[in-house]
Amino acid sequence: LEERSALIEFLKESNIMAAFHYVPLHTANAGERFGRFEGLDKNTTIESERLVRLPIWYGISEQEQDSVVGVIKEFYV
């Protein structure tokens, strides 16, 4: 969670908006109400905490893609 939050903030400082909004179905309100979860949650919640939604869409230019990738690389160097 800390790394994800730091990455999102780092991207924001470069005017790149990224977000986190994935909630595993079994922990969502509807999932808890209408579904059921069997066994142990060994992976879903942990992996969901790593997800970042990057600003990539159908019309993004190659230059914009390179910019996003470059800032992410800069974060991890």
PDB file of N, CA and C in Angstrom:
ATOM      1  N   LEU A   1       0.812  -1.199   0.000  1.00  0.00           N
ATOM      2  CA  LEU A   1       0.000   0.000   0.000  1.00  0.00           C
ATOM      3  C   LEU A   1       0.854   1.261   0.000  1.00  0.00           C
ATOM      4  N   GLU A   2       1.934   1.237   0.777  1.00  0.00           N
ATOM      5  CA  GLU A   2       2.803   2.417   0.855  1.00  0.00           C
ATOM      6  C   GLU A   2       3.458   2.697  -0.491  1.00  0.00           C
ATOM      7  N   GLU A   3       3.940   1.646  -1.138  1.00  0.00           N
ATOM      8  CA  GLU A   3       4.597   1.821  -2.436  1.00  0.00           C
ATOM      9  C   GLU A   3       3.596   2.332  -3.477  1.00  0.00           C
ATOM     10  N   ARG A   4       2.416   1.755  -3.483  1.00  0.00           N
ATOM     11  CA  ARG A   4       1.385   2.197  -4.427  1.00  0.00           C
ATOM     12  C   ARG A   4       1.041   3.666  -4.202  1.00  0.00           C
ATOM     13  N   SER A   5       0.843   4.052  -2.968  1.00  0.00           N
ATOM     14  CA  SER A   5       0.514   5.439  -2.652  1.00  0.00           C
ATOM     15  C   SER A   5       1.647   6.374  -3.052  1.00  0.00           C
ATOM     16  N   ALA A   6       2.879   5.959  -2.801  1.00  0.00           N
ATOM     17  CA  ALA A   6       4.036   6.780  -3.172  1.00  0.00           C
ATOM     18  C   ALA A   6       4.125   6.926  -4.687  1.00  0.00           C
ATOM     19  N   LEU A   7       3.879   5.861  -5.432  1.00  0.00           N
ATOM     20  CA  LEU A   7       3.913   5.929  -6.893  1.00  0.00           C
ATOM     21  C   LEU A   7       2.832   6.869  -7.408  1.00  0.00           C
ATOM     22  N   ILE A   8       1.628   6.760  -6.899  1.00  0.00           N
ATOM     23  CA  ILE A   8       0.538   7.635  -7.332  1.00  0.00           C
ATOM     24  C   ILE A   8       0.894   9.098  -7.049  1.00  0.00           C
ATOM     25  N   GLU A   9       1.471   9.373  -5.897  1.00  0.00           N
ATOM     26  CA  GLU A   9       1.871  10.742  -5.557  1.00  0.00           C
ATOM     27  C   GLU A   9       2.997  11.217  -6.473  1.00  0.00           C
ATOM     28  N   PHE A  10       3.959  10.361  -6.775  1.00  0.00           N
ATOM     29  CA  PHE A  10       5.069  10.697  -7.668  1.00  0.00           C
ATOM     30  C   PHE A  10       4.548  11.032  -9.058  1.00  0.00           C
ATOM     31  N   LEU A  11       3.619  10.236  -9.544  1.00  0.00           N
ATOM     32  CA  LEU A  11       3.015  10.505 -10.847  1.00  0.00           C
ATOM     33  C   LEU A  11       2.266  11.839 -10.823  1.00  0.00           C
ATOM     34  N   LYS A  12       1.548  12.090  -9.746  1.00  0.00           N
ATOM     35  CA  LYS A  12       0.784  13.332  -9.612  1.00  0.00           C
ATOM     36  C   LYS A  12       1.703  14.553  -9.682  1.00  0.00           C
ATOM     37  N   GLU A  13       2.890  14.447  -9.083  1.00  0.00           N
ATOM     38  CA  GLU A  13       3.858  15.545  -9.120  1.00  0.00           C
ATOM     39  C   GLU A  13       4.317  15.846 -10.548  1.00  0.00           C
ATOM     40  N   SER A  14       4.171  14.874 -11.449  1.00  0.00           N
ATOM     41  CA  SER A  14       4.507  15.059 -12.870  1.00  0.00           C
ATOM     42  C   SER A  14       3.256  15.287 -13.704  1.00  0.00           C
ATOM     43  N   ASN A  15       2.165  15.668 -13.040  1.00  0.00           N
ATOM     44  CA  ASN A  15       0.877  15.915 -13.707  1.00  0.00           C
ATOM     45  C   ASN A  15       0.341  14.693 -14.439  1.00  0.00           C
ATOM     46  N   ILE A  16       0.610  13.525 -13.891  1.00  0.00           N
ATOM     47  CA  ILE A  16       0.078  12.273 -14.427  1.00  0.00           C
ATOM     48  C   ILE A  16      -0.882  11.734 -13.374  1.00  0.00           C
ATOM     49  N   MET A  17      -2.149  11.686 -13.744  1.00  0.00           N
ATOM     50  CA  MET A  17      -3.158  11.233 -12.799  1.00  0.00           C
ATOM     51  C   MET A  17      -3.318   9.713 -12.883  1.00  0.00           C
ATOM     52  N   ALA A  18      -3.074   9.077 -11.790  1.00  0.00           N
ATOM     53  CA  ALA A  18      -3.276   7.638 -11.672  1.00  0.00           C
ATOM     54  C   ALA A  18      -4.180   7.431 -10.465  1.00  0.00           C
ATOM     55  N   ALA A  19      -4.831   6.306 -10.420  1.00  0.00           N
ATOM     56  CA  ALA A  19      -5.776   6.070  -9.332  1.00  0.00           C
ATOM     57  C   ALA A  19      -5.753   4.616  -8.913  1.00  0.00           C
ATOM     58  N   PHE A  20      -6.346   4.386  -7.785  1.00  0.00           N
ATOM     59  CA  PHE A  20      -6.580   3.037  -7.308  1.00  0.00           C
ATOM     60  C   PHE A  20      -8.060   2.934  -7.025  1.00  0.00           C
ATOM     61  N   HIS A  21      -8.689   1.940  -7.560  1.00  0.00           N
ATOM     62  CA  HIS A  21     -10.113   1.786  -7.248  1.00  0.00           C
ATOM     63  C   HIS A  21     -10.590   0.349  -7.361  1.00  0.00           C
ATOM     64  N   TYR A  22      -9.690  -0.599  -7.446  1.00  0.00           N
ATOM     65  CA  TYR A  22     -10.130  -1.996  -7.526  1.00  0.00           C
ATOM     66  C   TYR A  22     -10.346  -2.537  -6.122  1.00  0.00           C
ATOM     67  N   VAL A  23     -11.501  -3.066  -5.897  1.00  0.00           N
ATOM     68  CA  VAL A  23     -11.818  -3.732  -4.641  1.00  0.00           C
ATOM     69  C   VAL A  23     -12.186  -5.162  -4.989  1.00  0.00           C
ATOM     70  N   PRO A  24     -11.545  -6.143  -4.377  1.00  0.00           N
ATOM     71  CA  PRO A  24     -11.905  -7.531  -4.670  1.00  0.00           C
ATOM     72  C   PRO A  24     -13.405  -7.757  -4.451  1.00  0.00           C
ATOM     73  N   LEU A  25     -14.005  -8.505  -5.341  1.00  0.00           N
ATOM     74  CA  LEU A  25     -15.453  -8.702  -5.296  1.00  0.00           C
ATOM     75  C   LEU A  25     -15.917  -9.222  -3.942  1.00  0.00           C
ATOM     76  N   HIS A  26     -15.167 -10.134  -3.341  1.00  0.00           N
ATOM     77  CA  HIS A  26     -15.640 -10.712  -2.084  1.00  0.00           C
ATOM     78  C   HIS A  26     -15.602  -9.724  -0.918  1.00  0.00           C
ATOM     79  N   THR A  27     -14.939  -8.563  -1.090  1.00  0.00           N
ATOM     80  CA  THR A  27     -14.938  -7.550  -0.035  1.00  0.00           C
ATOM     81  C   THR A  27     -15.823  -6.349  -0.385  1.00  0.00           C
ATOM     82  N   ALA A  28     -16.346  -6.322  -1.598  1.00  0.00           N
ATOM     83  CA  ALA A  28     -17.247  -5.242  -2.003  1.00  0.00           C
ATOM     84  C   ALA A  28     -18.613  -5.457  -1.348  1.00  0.00           C
ATOM     85  N   ASN A  29     -19.371  -4.388  -1.203  1.00  0.00           N
ATOM     86  CA  ASN A  29     -20.692  -4.491  -0.559  1.00  0.00           C
ATOM     87  C   ASN A  29     -21.565  -5.548  -1.227  1.00  0.00           C
ATOM     88  N   ALA A  30     -21.660  -5.491  -2.560  1.00  0.00           N
ATOM     89  CA  ALA A  30     -22.506  -6.460  -3.270  1.00  0.00           C
ATOM     90  C   ALA A  30     -21.949  -7.874  -3.138  1.00  0.00           C
ATOM     91  N   GLY A  31     -20.641  -8.004  -3.187  1.00  0.00           N
ATOM     92  CA  GLY A  31     -20.034  -9.326  -3.042  1.00  0.00           C
ATOM     93  C   GLY A  31     -20.311  -9.936  -1.684  1.00  0.00           C
ATOM     94  N   GLU A  32     -20.214  -9.104  -0.660  1.00  0.00           N
ATOM     95  CA  GLU A  32     -20.498  -9.600   0.688  1.00  0.00           C
ATOM     96  C   GLU A  32     -21.979  -9.938   0.849  1.00  0.00           C
ATOM     97  N   ARG A  33     -22.813  -9.166   0.184  1.00  0.00           N
ATOM     98  CA  ARG A  33     -24.257  -9.365   0.324  1.00  0.00           C
ATOM     99  C   ARG A  33     -24.769 -10.562  -0.483  1.00  0.00           C
ATOM    100  N   PHE A  34     -24.307 -10.677  -1.732  1.00  0.00           N
ATOM    101  CA  PHE A  34     -24.871 -11.678  -2.631  1.00  0.00           C
ATOM    102  C   PHE A  34     -23.961 -12.873  -2.911  1.00  0.00           C
ATOM    103  N   GLY A  35     -22.692 -12.749  -2.610  1.00  0.00           N
ATOM    104  CA  GLY A  35     -21.747 -13.813  -2.941  1.00  0.00           C
ATOM    105  C   GLY A  35     -21.274 -14.559  -1.719  1.00  0.00           C
ATOM    106  N   ARG A  36     -20.286 -15.357  -1.952  1.00  0.00           N
ATOM    107  CA  ARG A  36     -19.638 -16.054  -0.841  1.00  0.00           C
ATOM    108  C   ARG A  36     -18.207 -16.337  -1.254  1.00  0.00           C
ATOM    109  N   PHE A  37     -17.366 -16.460  -0.276  1.00  0.00           N
ATOM    110  CA  PHE A  37     -15.958 -16.725  -0.530  1.00  0.00           C
ATOM    111  C   PHE A  37     -15.595 -18.004   0.203  1.00  0.00           C
ATOM    112  N   GLU A  38     -15.037 -18.927  -0.536  1.00  0.00           N
ATOM    113  CA  GLU A  38     -14.652 -20.216   0.043  1.00  0.00           C
ATOM    114  C   GLU A  38     -13.130 -20.255   0.221  1.00  0.00           C
ATOM    115  N   GLY A  39     -12.680 -20.779   1.317  1.00  0.00           N
ATOM    116  CA  GLY A  39     -11.251 -20.965   1.530  1.00  0.00           C
ATOM    117  C   GLY A  39     -10.553 -19.708   2.019  1.00  0.00           C
ATOM    118  N   LEU A  40      -9.224 -19.720   1.882  1.00  0.00           N
ATOM    119  CA  LEU A  40      -8.402 -18.607   2.332  1.00  0.00           C
ATOM    120  C   LEU A  40      -8.128 -17.642   1.187  1.00  0.00           C
ATOM    121  N   ASP A  41      -8.073 -16.382   1.506  1.00  0.00           N
ATOM    122  CA  ASP A  41      -7.733 -15.359   0.520  1.00  0.00           C
ATOM    123  C   ASP A  41      -6.212 -15.157   0.572  1.00  0.00           C
ATOM    124  N   LYS A  42      -5.490 -16.018  -0.136  1.00  0.00           N
ATOM    125  CA  LYS A  42      -4.027 -15.961  -0.126  1.00  0.00           C
ATOM    126  C   LYS A  42      -3.482 -14.892  -1.066  1.00  0.00           C
ATOM    127  N   ASN A  43      -4.232 -14.542  -2.113  1.00  0.00           N
ATOM    128  CA  ASN A  43      -3.677 -13.673  -3.140  1.00  0.00           C
ATOM    129  C   ASN A  43      -4.514 -12.459  -3.505  1.00  0.00           C
ATOM    130  N   THR A  44      -5.807 -12.593  -3.570  1.00  0.00           N
ATOM    131  CA  THR A  44      -6.648 -11.545  -4.159  1.00  0.00           C
ATOM    132  C   THR A  44      -6.481 -10.199  -3.485  1.00  0.00           C
ATOM    133  N   THR A  45      -6.622 -10.132  -2.191  1.00  0.00           N
ATOM    134  CA  THR A  45      -6.539  -8.852  -1.497  1.00  0.00           C
ATOM    135  C   THR A  45      -5.140  -8.275  -1.580  1.00  0.00           C
ATOM    136  N   ILE A  46      -4.122  -9.083  -1.368  1.00  0.00           N
ATOM    137  CA  ILE A  46      -2.737  -8.605  -1.448  1.00  0.00           C
ATOM    138  C   ILE A  46      -2.439  -8.044  -2.830  1.00  0.00           C
ATOM    139  N   GLU A  47      -2.812  -8.767  -3.865  1.00  0.00           N
ATOM    140  CA  GLU A  47      -2.534  -8.302  -5.226  1.00  0.00           C
ATOM    141  C   GLU A  47      -3.366  -7.075  -5.581  1.00  0.00           C
ATOM    142  N   SER A  48      -4.591  -6.988  -5.072  1.00  0.00           N
ATOM    143  CA  SER A  48      -5.420  -5.820  -5.368  1.00  0.00           C
ATOM    144  C   SER A  48      -4.804  -4.552  -4.792  1.00  0.00           C
ATOM    145  N   GLU A  49      -4.041  -4.680  -3.727  1.00  0.00           N
ATOM    146  CA  GLU A  49      -3.392  -3.531  -3.107  1.00  0.00           C
ATOM    147  C   GLU A  49      -2.204  -3.029  -3.923  1.00  0.00           C
ATOM    148  N   ARG A  50      -1.804  -3.772  -4.941  1.00  0.00           N
ATOM    149  CA  ARG A  50      -0.682  -3.383  -5.796  1.00  0.00           C
ATOM    150  C   ARG A  50      -1.133  -2.700  -7.084  1.00  0.00           C
ATOM    151  N   LEU A  51      -2.406  -2.777  -7.395  1.00  0.00           N
ATOM    152  CA  LEU A  51      -2.898  -2.278  -8.671  1.00  0.00           C
ATOM    153  C   LEU A  51      -2.967  -0.760  -8.715  1.00  0.00           C
ATOM    154  N   VAL A  52      -2.533  -0.212  -9.840  1.00  0.00           N
ATOM    155  CA  VAL A  52      -2.631   1.216 -10.101  1.00  0.00           C
ATOM    156  C   VAL A  52      -3.251   1.367 -11.484  1.00  0.00           C
ATOM    157  N   ARG A  53      -4.242   2.197 -11.579  1.00  0.00           N
ATOM    158  CA  ARG A  53      -4.874   2.466 -12.871  1.00  0.00           C
ATOM    159  C   ARG A  53      -4.139   3.628 -13.523  1.00  0.00           C
ATOM    160  N   LEU A  54      -3.447   3.333 -14.599  1.00  0.00           N
ATOM    161  CA  LEU A  54      -2.655   4.336 -15.305  1.00  0.00           C
ATOM    162  C   LEU A  54      -3.509   5.079 -16.324  1.00  0.00           C
ATOM    163  N   PRO A  55      -3.113   6.304 -16.643  1.00  0.00           N
ATOM    164  CA  PRO A  55      -3.887   7.100 -17.602  1.00  0.00           C
ATOM    165  C   PRO A  55      -3.585   6.689 -19.042  1.00  0.00           C
ATOM    166  N   ILE A  56      -4.069   5.545 -19.409  1.00  0.00           N
ATOM    167  CA  ILE A  56      -3.864   5.056 -20.774  1.00  0.00           C
ATOM    168  C   ILE A  56      -5.243   4.812 -21.379  1.00  0.00           C
ATOM    169  N   TRP A  57      -5.484   5.384 -22.530  1.00  0.00           N
ATOM    170  CA  TRP A  57      -6.779   5.285 -23.188  1.00  0.00           C
ATOM    171  C   TRP A  57      -6.564   5.132 -24.676  1.00  0.00           C
ATOM    172  N   TYR A  58      -7.619   4.901 -25.390  1.00  0.00           N
ATOM    173  CA  TYR A  58      -7.556   4.617 -26.820  1.00  0.00           C
ATOM    174  C   TYR A  58      -6.790   5.676 -27.606  1.00  0.00           C
ATOM    175  N   GLY A  59      -6.975   6.947 -27.295  1.00  0.00           N
ATOM    176  CA  GLY A  59      -6.368   8.009 -28.089  1.00  0.00           C
ATOM    177  C   GLY A  59      -5.036   8.531 -27.572  1.00  0.00           C
ATOM    178  N   ILE A  60      -4.448   7.859 -26.585  1.00  0.00           N
ATOM    179  CA  ILE A  60      -3.192   8.355 -26.035  1.00  0.00           C
ATOM    180  C   ILE A  60      -2.090   8.262 -27.090  1.00  0.00           C
ATOM    181  N   SER A  61      -1.308   9.320 -27.189  1.00  0.00           N
ATOM    182  CA  SER A  61      -0.240   9.333 -28.194  1.00  0.00           C
ATOM    183  C   SER A  61       0.954   8.518 -27.708  1.00  0.00           C
ATOM    184  N   GLU A  62       1.798   8.151 -28.619  1.00  0.00           N
ATOM    185  CA  GLU A  62       3.001   7.396 -28.257  1.00  0.00           C
ATOM    186  C   GLU A  62       3.893   8.240 -27.349  1.00  0.00           C
ATOM    187  N   GLN A  63       3.947   9.524 -27.593  1.00  0.00           N
ATOM    188  CA  GLN A  63       4.741  10.426 -26.758  1.00  0.00           C
ATOM    189  C   GLN A  63       4.189  10.457 -25.331  1.00  0.00           C
ATOM    190  N   GLU A  64       2.870  10.498 -25.196  1.00  0.00           N
ATOM    191  CA  GLU A  64       2.254  10.477 -23.865  1.00  0.00           C
ATOM    192  C   GLU A  64       2.517   9.142 -23.162  1.00  0.00           C
ATOM    193  N   GLN A  65       2.448   8.059 -23.901  1.00  0.00           N
ATOM    194  CA  GLN A  65       2.755   6.744 -23.325  1.00  0.00           C
ATOM    195  C   GLN A  65       4.193   6.715 -22.819  1.00  0.00           C
ATOM    196  N   ASP A  66       5.107   7.203 -23.646  1.00  0.00           N
ATOM    197  CA  ASP A  66       6.517   7.225 -23.266  1.00  0.00           C
ATOM    198  C   ASP A  66       6.736   8.067 -22.014  1.00  0.00           C
ATOM    199  N   SER A  67       5.996   9.148 -21.903  1.00  0.00           N
ATOM    200  CA  SER A  67       6.109  10.016 -20.734  1.00  0.00           C
ATOM    201  C   SER A  67       5.675   9.285 -19.469  1.00  0.00           C
ATOM    202  N   VAL A  68       4.542   8.614 -19.525  1.00  0.00           N
ATOM    203  CA  VAL A  68       4.047   7.859 -18.368  1.00  0.00           C
ATOM    204  C   VAL A  68       5.045   6.769 -17.988  1.00  0.00           C
ATOM    205  N   VAL A  69       5.504   6.013 -18.964  1.00  0.00           N
ATOM    206  CA  VAL A  69       6.459   4.930 -18.704  1.00  0.00           C
ATOM    207  C   VAL A  69       7.761   5.496 -18.129  1.00  0.00           C
ATOM    208  N   GLY A  70       8.216   6.616 -18.670  1.00  0.00           N
ATOM    209  CA  GLY A  70       9.452   7.229 -18.198  1.00  0.00           C
ATOM    210  C   GLY A  70       9.376   7.648 -16.743  1.00  0.00           C
ATOM    211  N   VAL A  71       8.251   8.234 -16.349  1.00  0.00           N
ATOM    212  CA  VAL A  71       8.093   8.668 -14.958  1.00  0.00           C
ATOM    213  C   VAL A  71       8.027   7.453 -14.033  1.00  0.00           C
ATOM    214  N   ILE A  72       7.360   6.402 -14.466  1.00  0.00           N
ATOM    215  CA  ILE A  72       7.306   5.184 -13.649  1.00  0.00           C
ATOM    216  C   ILE A  72       8.702   4.591 -13.489  1.00  0.00           C
ATOM    217  N   LYS A  73       9.459   4.544 -14.564  1.00  0.00           N
ATOM    218  CA  LYS A  73      10.848   4.048 -14.475  1.00  0.00           C
ATOM    219  C   LYS A  73      11.666   4.905 -13.527  1.00  0.00           C
ATOM    220  N   GLU A  74      11.483   6.218 -13.596  1.00  0.00           N
ATOM    221  CA  GLU A  74      12.203   7.151 -12.726  1.00  0.00           C
ATOM    222  C   GLU A  74      11.883   6.847 -11.254  1.00  0.00           C
ATOM    223  N   PHE A  75      10.631   6.531 -10.976  1.00  0.00           N
ATOM    224  CA  PHE A  75      10.221   6.208  -9.603  1.00  0.00           C
ATOM    225  C   PHE A  75      10.982   4.997  -9.070  1.00  0.00           C
ATOM    226  N   TYR A  76      11.191   4.015  -9.920  1.00  0.00           N
ATOM    227  CA  TYR A  76      11.800   2.759  -9.475  1.00  0.00           C
ATOM    228  C   TYR A  76      13.318   2.726  -9.590  1.00  0.00           C
ATOM    229  N   VAL A  77      13.928   3.800 -10.083  1.00  0.00           N
ATOM    230  CA  VAL A  77      15.395   3.832 -10.186  1.00  0.00           C
ATOM    231  C   VAL A  77      16.000   4.389  -8.931  1.00  0.00           C
TER     232      VAL A  77
END
